[in-house]
Amino acid sequence: MERQLVEYIVKSLVDNPDAVQIDEVREGDTTVLKLRVGEGDIGKVIGKQGRIAKAIRTILSASVTEDGTHATLEILD
């Protein structure tokens, strides 16, 4: 569910939604989502001073707290 949530948000922000790739890695009770976007779209996902990335991480953490698991988002170049 976390992956679909992040994918929906990110695809809404970028110019090239087909280039969005999310790899999901489980580490104990933590899920690490590794996000890659198209070449010109990284700034749209991070935002000024990282505000958009922080907002996405906040929504992600709020969505997974109910079942006791944790999730983190890594934005890769």
C-alpha atoms as a PDB file:
ATOM      1  CA  MET A   1       0.000   0.000   0.000  1.00  0.00           C
ATOM      2  CA  GLU A   2       2.840   2.408   0.792  1.00  0.00           C
ATOM      3  CA  ARG A   3       4.315   1.958  -2.648  1.00  0.00           C
ATOM      4  CA  GLN A   4       1.038   2.759  -4.409  1.00  0.00           C
ATOM      5  CA  LEU A   5       0.536   5.864  -2.272  1.00  0.00           C
ATOM      6  CA  VAL A   6       3.985   7.285  -3.043  1.00  0.00           C
ATOM      7  CA  GLU A   7       3.668   6.317  -6.699  1.00  0.00           C
ATOM      8  CA  TYR A   8       0.348   8.142  -7.017  1.00  0.00           C
ATOM      9  CA  ILE A   9       1.674  11.304  -5.375  1.00  0.00           C
ATOM     10  CA  VAL A  10       4.930  11.391  -7.352  1.00  0.00           C
ATOM     11  CA  LYS A  11       3.307  10.638 -10.711  1.00  0.00           C
ATOM     12  CA  SER A  12       0.960  13.576 -10.093  1.00  0.00           C
ATOM     13  CA  LEU A  13       3.926  15.917  -9.607  1.00  0.00           C
ATOM     14  CA  VAL A  14       6.309  15.013 -12.442  1.00  0.00           C
ATOM     15  CA  ASP A  15       6.228  15.746 -16.179  1.00  0.00           C
ATOM     16  CA  ASN A  16       7.183  12.186 -17.157  1.00  0.00           C
ATOM     17  CA  PRO A  17       5.171   9.777 -14.984  1.00  0.00           C
ATOM     18  CA  ASP A  18       6.336   6.761 -17.021  1.00  0.00           C
ATOM     19  CA  ALA A  19       9.901   7.268 -15.743  1.00  0.00           C
ATOM     20  CA  VAL A  20       8.908   6.889 -12.074  1.00  0.00           C
ATOM     21  CA  GLN A  21      10.438   3.762 -10.514  1.00  0.00           C
ATOM     22  CA  ILE A  22       9.967   2.644  -6.924  1.00  0.00           C
ATOM     23  CA  ASP A  23      11.892  -0.272  -5.438  1.00  0.00           C
ATOM     24  CA  GLU A  24      10.600  -1.681  -2.172  1.00  0.00           C
ATOM     25  CA  VAL A  25      13.085  -3.193   0.297  1.00  0.00           C
ATOM     26  CA  ARG A  26      11.999  -4.826   3.575  1.00  0.00           C
ATOM     27  CA  GLU A  27      14.364  -4.480   6.538  1.00  0.00           C
ATOM     28  CA  GLY A  28      12.706  -6.054   9.580  1.00  0.00           C
ATOM     29  CA  ASP A  29       9.573  -4.051  10.350  1.00  0.00           C
ATOM     30  CA  THR A  30      10.714  -1.162   8.143  1.00  0.00           C
ATOM     31  CA  THR A  31       9.976  -0.751   4.461  1.00  0.00           C
ATOM     32  CA  VAL A  32      12.434   1.357   2.483  1.00  0.00           C
ATOM     33  CA  LEU A  33      11.049   2.849  -0.722  1.00  0.00           C
ATOM     34  CA  LYS A  34      13.762   3.838  -3.190  1.00  0.00           C
ATOM     35  CA  LEU A  35      12.434   6.382  -5.659  1.00  0.00           C
ATOM     36  CA  ARG A  36      13.878   7.254  -9.057  1.00  0.00           C
ATOM     37  CA  VAL A  37      12.325   9.797 -11.411  1.00  0.00           C
ATOM     38  CA  GLY A  38      13.141  11.157 -14.851  1.00  0.00           C
ATOM     39  CA  GLU A  39      16.124  13.413 -15.395  1.00  0.00           C
ATOM     40  CA  GLY A  40      14.351  16.777 -15.204  1.00  0.00           C
ATOM     41  CA  ASP A  41      11.809  15.820 -12.534  1.00  0.00           C
ATOM     42  CA  ILE A  42      13.997  15.425  -9.434  1.00  0.00           C
ATOM     43  CA  GLY A  43      13.489  19.062  -8.441  1.00  0.00           C
ATOM     44  CA  LYS A  44       9.722  18.714  -8.605  1.00  0.00           C
ATOM     45  CA  VAL A  45       9.809  15.800  -6.177  1.00  0.00           C
ATOM     46  CA  ILE A  46      12.217  17.452  -3.745  1.00  0.00           C
ATOM     47  CA  GLY A  47      10.793  20.977  -3.920  1.00  0.00           C
ATOM     48  CA  LYS A  48      12.254  24.192  -2.553  1.00  0.00           C
ATOM     49  CA  GLN A  49      14.283  23.466   0.573  1.00  0.00           C
ATOM     50  CA  GLY A  50      12.976  19.874   0.482  1.00  0.00           C
ATOM     51  CA  ARG A  51       9.418  20.811   1.403  1.00  0.00           C
ATOM     52  CA  ILE A  52       7.669  18.476  -1.039  1.00  0.00           C
ATOM     53  CA  ALA A  53       9.908  15.535  -0.115  1.00  0.00           C
ATOM     54  CA  LYS A  54       9.226  16.209   3.572  1.00  0.00           C
ATOM     55  CA  ALA A  55       5.477  16.351   2.918  1.00  0.00           C
ATOM     56  CA  ILE A  56       5.568  13.031   1.042  1.00  0.00           C
ATOM     57  CA  ARG A  57       7.529  11.449   3.916  1.00  0.00           C
ATOM     58  CA  THR A  58       5.017  12.818   6.439  1.00  0.00           C
ATOM     59  CA  ILE A  59       2.075  11.352   4.529  1.00  0.00           C
ATOM     60  CA  LEU A  60       3.945   8.063   4.178  1.00  0.00           C
ATOM     61  CA  SER A  61       4.708   7.797   7.878  1.00  0.00           C
ATOM     62  CA  ALA A  62       1.118   8.682   8.798  1.00  0.00           C
ATOM     63  CA  SER A  63      -0.241   5.961   6.529  1.00  0.00           C
ATOM     64  CA  VAL A  64       1.806   3.140   8.045  1.00  0.00           C
ATOM     65  CA  THR A  65       1.627   3.951  11.754  1.00  0.00           C
ATOM     66  CA  GLU A  66      -1.721   2.226  12.172  1.00  0.00           C
ATOM     67  CA  ASP A  67      -0.396  -1.303  11.611  1.00  0.00           C
ATOM     68  CA  GLY A  68       2.858  -0.854  13.540  1.00  0.00           C
ATOM     69  CA  THR A  69       5.251  -0.905  10.601  1.00  0.00           C
ATOM     70  CA  HIS A  70       7.556   1.901   9.543  1.00  0.00           C
ATOM     71  CA  ALA A  71       8.409   3.201   6.088  1.00  0.00           C
ATOM     72  CA  THR A  72      11.089   5.530   4.787  1.00  0.00           C
ATOM     73  CA  LEU A  73      11.546   7.184   1.428  1.00  0.00           C
ATOM     74  CA  GLU A  74      14.901   7.543  -0.292  1.00  0.00           C
ATOM     75  CA  ILE A  75      15.060   9.742  -3.362  1.00  0.00           C
ATOM     76  CA  LEU A  76      17.850   8.542  -5.640  1.00  0.00           C
ATOM     77  CA  ASP A  77      19.576  10.355  -8.502  1.00  0.00           C
END
